[in-house]
Amino acid sequence: MGHSSMDPAFLELRPWNEGRLLGAKRALKSQQVWAILCWLDQSRWLTLRALIH
């Protein structure tokens, strides 16, 4: 079901990502990776930890 161009609310619709940067994100730094691994060890997420490492 589409929107009518005669509907006043149609003129106010904007894309959800308008004004945001698009594309790939930066890679994690090694310090961030180690912080995640340490957190997984402390919280006993051993299965997830095994998948990552």
N, C-alpha and C. Protein backbone atom coordinates (compact mmCIF):
# COMPACT_ATOMS: atom_id res chain seq x y z
N MET A 1 0.85 -1.17 0.00
CA MET A 1 0.00 0.00 0.00
C MET A 1 0.90 1.24 0.00
N GLY A 2 0.70 2.11 -0.97
CA GLY A 2 1.56 3.27 -1.11
C GLY A 2 0.99 4.50 -0.43
N HIS A 3 1.70 5.59 -0.58
CA HIS A 3 1.28 6.87 -0.02
C HIS A 3 0.77 7.77 -1.14
N SER A 4 -0.25 8.51 -0.85
CA SER A 4 -0.78 9.46 -1.82
C SER A 4 0.02 10.76 -1.74
N SER A 5 0.34 11.32 -2.89
CA SER A 5 1.06 12.59 -2.89
C SER A 5 0.17 13.74 -2.43
N MET A 6 -1.13 13.49 -2.34
CA MET A 6 -2.06 14.51 -1.87
C MET A 6 -2.13 14.56 -0.34
N ASP A 7 -1.60 13.53 0.30
CA ASP A 7 -1.63 13.45 1.77
C ASP A 7 -0.58 14.41 2.34
N PRO A 8 -0.97 15.32 3.26
CA PRO A 8 0.02 16.27 3.81
C PRO A 8 1.12 15.58 4.61
N ALA A 9 0.84 14.42 5.20
CA ALA A 9 1.87 13.70 5.95
C ALA A 9 2.94 13.13 5.02
N PHE A 10 2.60 12.93 3.75
CA PHE A 10 3.55 12.39 2.78
C PHE A 10 4.75 13.33 2.60
N LEU A 11 4.52 14.61 2.69
CA LEU A 11 5.59 15.58 2.50
C LEU A 11 6.57 15.59 3.66
N GLU A 12 6.17 15.08 4.83
CA GLU A 12 7.02 15.09 6.01
C GLU A 12 7.85 13.82 6.14
N LEU A 13 7.61 12.81 5.29
CA LEU A 13 8.35 11.56 5.39
C LEU A 13 9.79 11.78 4.94
N ARG A 14 10.73 11.28 5.74
CA ARG A 14 12.15 11.35 5.41
C ARG A 14 12.76 9.97 5.57
N PRO A 15 13.80 9.66 4.83
CA PRO A 15 14.48 8.38 5.03
C PRO A 15 15.08 8.32 6.44
N TRP A 16 15.11 7.11 7.02
CA TRP A 16 15.61 6.96 8.39
C TRP A 16 17.09 7.29 8.49
N ASN A 17 17.83 7.14 7.40
CA ASN A 17 19.28 7.36 7.45
C ASN A 17 19.70 8.68 6.81
N GLU A 18 18.79 9.62 6.69
CA GLU A 18 19.13 10.90 6.10
C GLU A 18 20.11 11.65 7.00
N GLY A 19 21.20 12.10 6.44
CA GLY A 19 22.20 12.85 7.18
C GLY A 19 23.22 11.99 7.90
N ARG A 20 23.12 10.66 7.80
CA ARG A 20 24.08 9.78 8.46
C ARG A 20 25.13 9.31 7.46
N LEU A 21 26.29 9.00 7.98
CA LEU A 21 27.34 8.47 7.13
C LEU A 21 27.04 7.02 6.77
N LEU A 22 27.26 6.67 5.54
CA LEU A 22 26.99 5.31 5.08
C LEU A 22 28.30 4.62 4.75
N GLY A 23 28.27 3.30 4.76
CA GLY A 23 29.44 2.53 4.37
C GLY A 23 29.95 1.67 5.50
N ALA A 24 31.10 1.10 5.29
CA ALA A 24 31.70 0.19 6.26
C ALA A 24 32.20 0.95 7.48
N LYS A 25 32.19 0.26 8.60
CA LYS A 25 32.71 0.84 9.84
C LYS A 25 34.20 0.54 9.96
N ARG A 26 34.87 1.27 10.82
CA ARG A 26 36.29 1.03 11.05
C ARG A 26 36.49 -0.32 11.73
N ALA A 27 37.65 -0.91 11.52
CA ALA A 27 38.01 -2.15 12.19
C ALA A 27 38.28 -1.88 13.67
N LEU A 28 38.06 -2.90 14.49
CA LEU A 28 38.34 -2.75 15.92
C LEU A 28 39.84 -2.71 16.15
N LYS A 29 40.25 -1.92 17.14
CA LYS A 29 41.66 -1.89 17.53
C LYS A 29 41.96 -3.13 18.36
N SER A 30 43.22 -3.49 18.43
CA SER A 30 43.59 -4.70 19.18
C SER A 30 43.21 -4.56 20.66
N GLN A 31 43.29 -3.37 21.21
CA GLN A 31 42.90 -3.14 22.61
C GLN A 31 41.41 -3.42 22.80
N GLN A 32 40.59 -3.04 21.82
CA GLN A 32 39.16 -3.30 21.91
C GLN A 32 38.86 -4.78 21.79
N VAL A 33 39.59 -5.49 20.94
CA VAL A 33 39.39 -6.93 20.79
C VAL A 33 39.72 -7.64 22.10
N TRP A 34 40.84 -7.26 22.71
CA TRP A 34 41.22 -7.88 23.98
C TRP A 34 40.22 -7.56 25.08
N ALA A 35 39.66 -6.36 25.07
CA ALA A 35 38.66 -6.01 26.07
C ALA A 35 37.41 -6.88 25.92
N ILE A 36 37.02 -7.15 24.68
CA ILE A 36 35.86 -8.01 24.44
C ILE A 36 36.16 -9.44 24.89
N LEU A 37 37.36 -9.94 24.55
CA LEU A 37 37.72 -11.29 24.96
C LEU A 37 37.77 -11.44 26.47
N CYS A 38 38.31 -10.45 27.16
CA CYS A 38 38.36 -10.50 28.62
C CYS A 38 36.96 -10.45 29.21
N TRP A 39 36.09 -9.65 28.63
CA TRP A 39 34.72 -9.58 29.13
C TRP A 39 34.00 -10.91 28.94
N LEU A 40 34.23 -11.55 27.80
CA LEU A 40 33.61 -12.86 27.55
C LEU A 40 34.13 -13.89 28.54
N ASP A 41 35.42 -13.84 28.87
CA ASP A 41 35.99 -14.76 29.86
C ASP A 41 35.37 -14.55 31.23
N GLN A 42 35.24 -13.29 31.63
CA GLN A 42 34.71 -12.98 32.96
C GLN A 42 33.23 -13.32 33.07
N SER A 43 32.49 -13.16 31.98
CA SER A 43 31.06 -13.41 32.04
C SER A 43 30.71 -14.85 31.69
N ARG A 44 31.72 -15.67 31.49
CA ARG A 44 31.58 -17.11 31.25
C ARG A 44 30.80 -17.44 29.99
N TRP A 45 30.99 -16.65 28.96
CA TRP A 45 30.41 -16.95 27.65
C TRP A 45 31.44 -17.78 26.87
N LEU A 46 31.69 -18.98 27.34
CA LEU A 46 32.77 -19.78 26.79
C LEU A 46 32.50 -20.21 25.36
N THR A 47 31.24 -20.50 25.03
CA THR A 47 30.95 -20.94 23.66
C THR A 47 31.18 -19.81 22.67
N LEU A 48 30.77 -18.60 23.02
CA LEU A 48 30.99 -17.46 22.15
C LEU A 48 32.47 -17.13 22.07
N ARG A 49 33.15 -17.25 23.18
CA ARG A 49 34.60 -17.00 23.23
C ARG A 49 35.32 -17.99 22.33
N ALA A 50 34.87 -19.24 22.31
CA ALA A 50 35.51 -20.24 21.47
C ALA A 50 35.28 -19.96 19.99
N LEU A 51 34.13 -19.39 19.65
CA LEU A 51 33.85 -19.06 18.26
C LEU A 51 34.72 -17.90 17.76
N ILE A 52 35.02 -16.97 18.64
CA ILE A 52 35.78 -15.79 18.24
C ILE A 52 37.27 -16.12 18.12
N HIS A 53 37.78 -16.88 19.05
CA HIS A 53 39.23 -17.09 19.07
C HIS A 53 39.62 -18.31 18.36
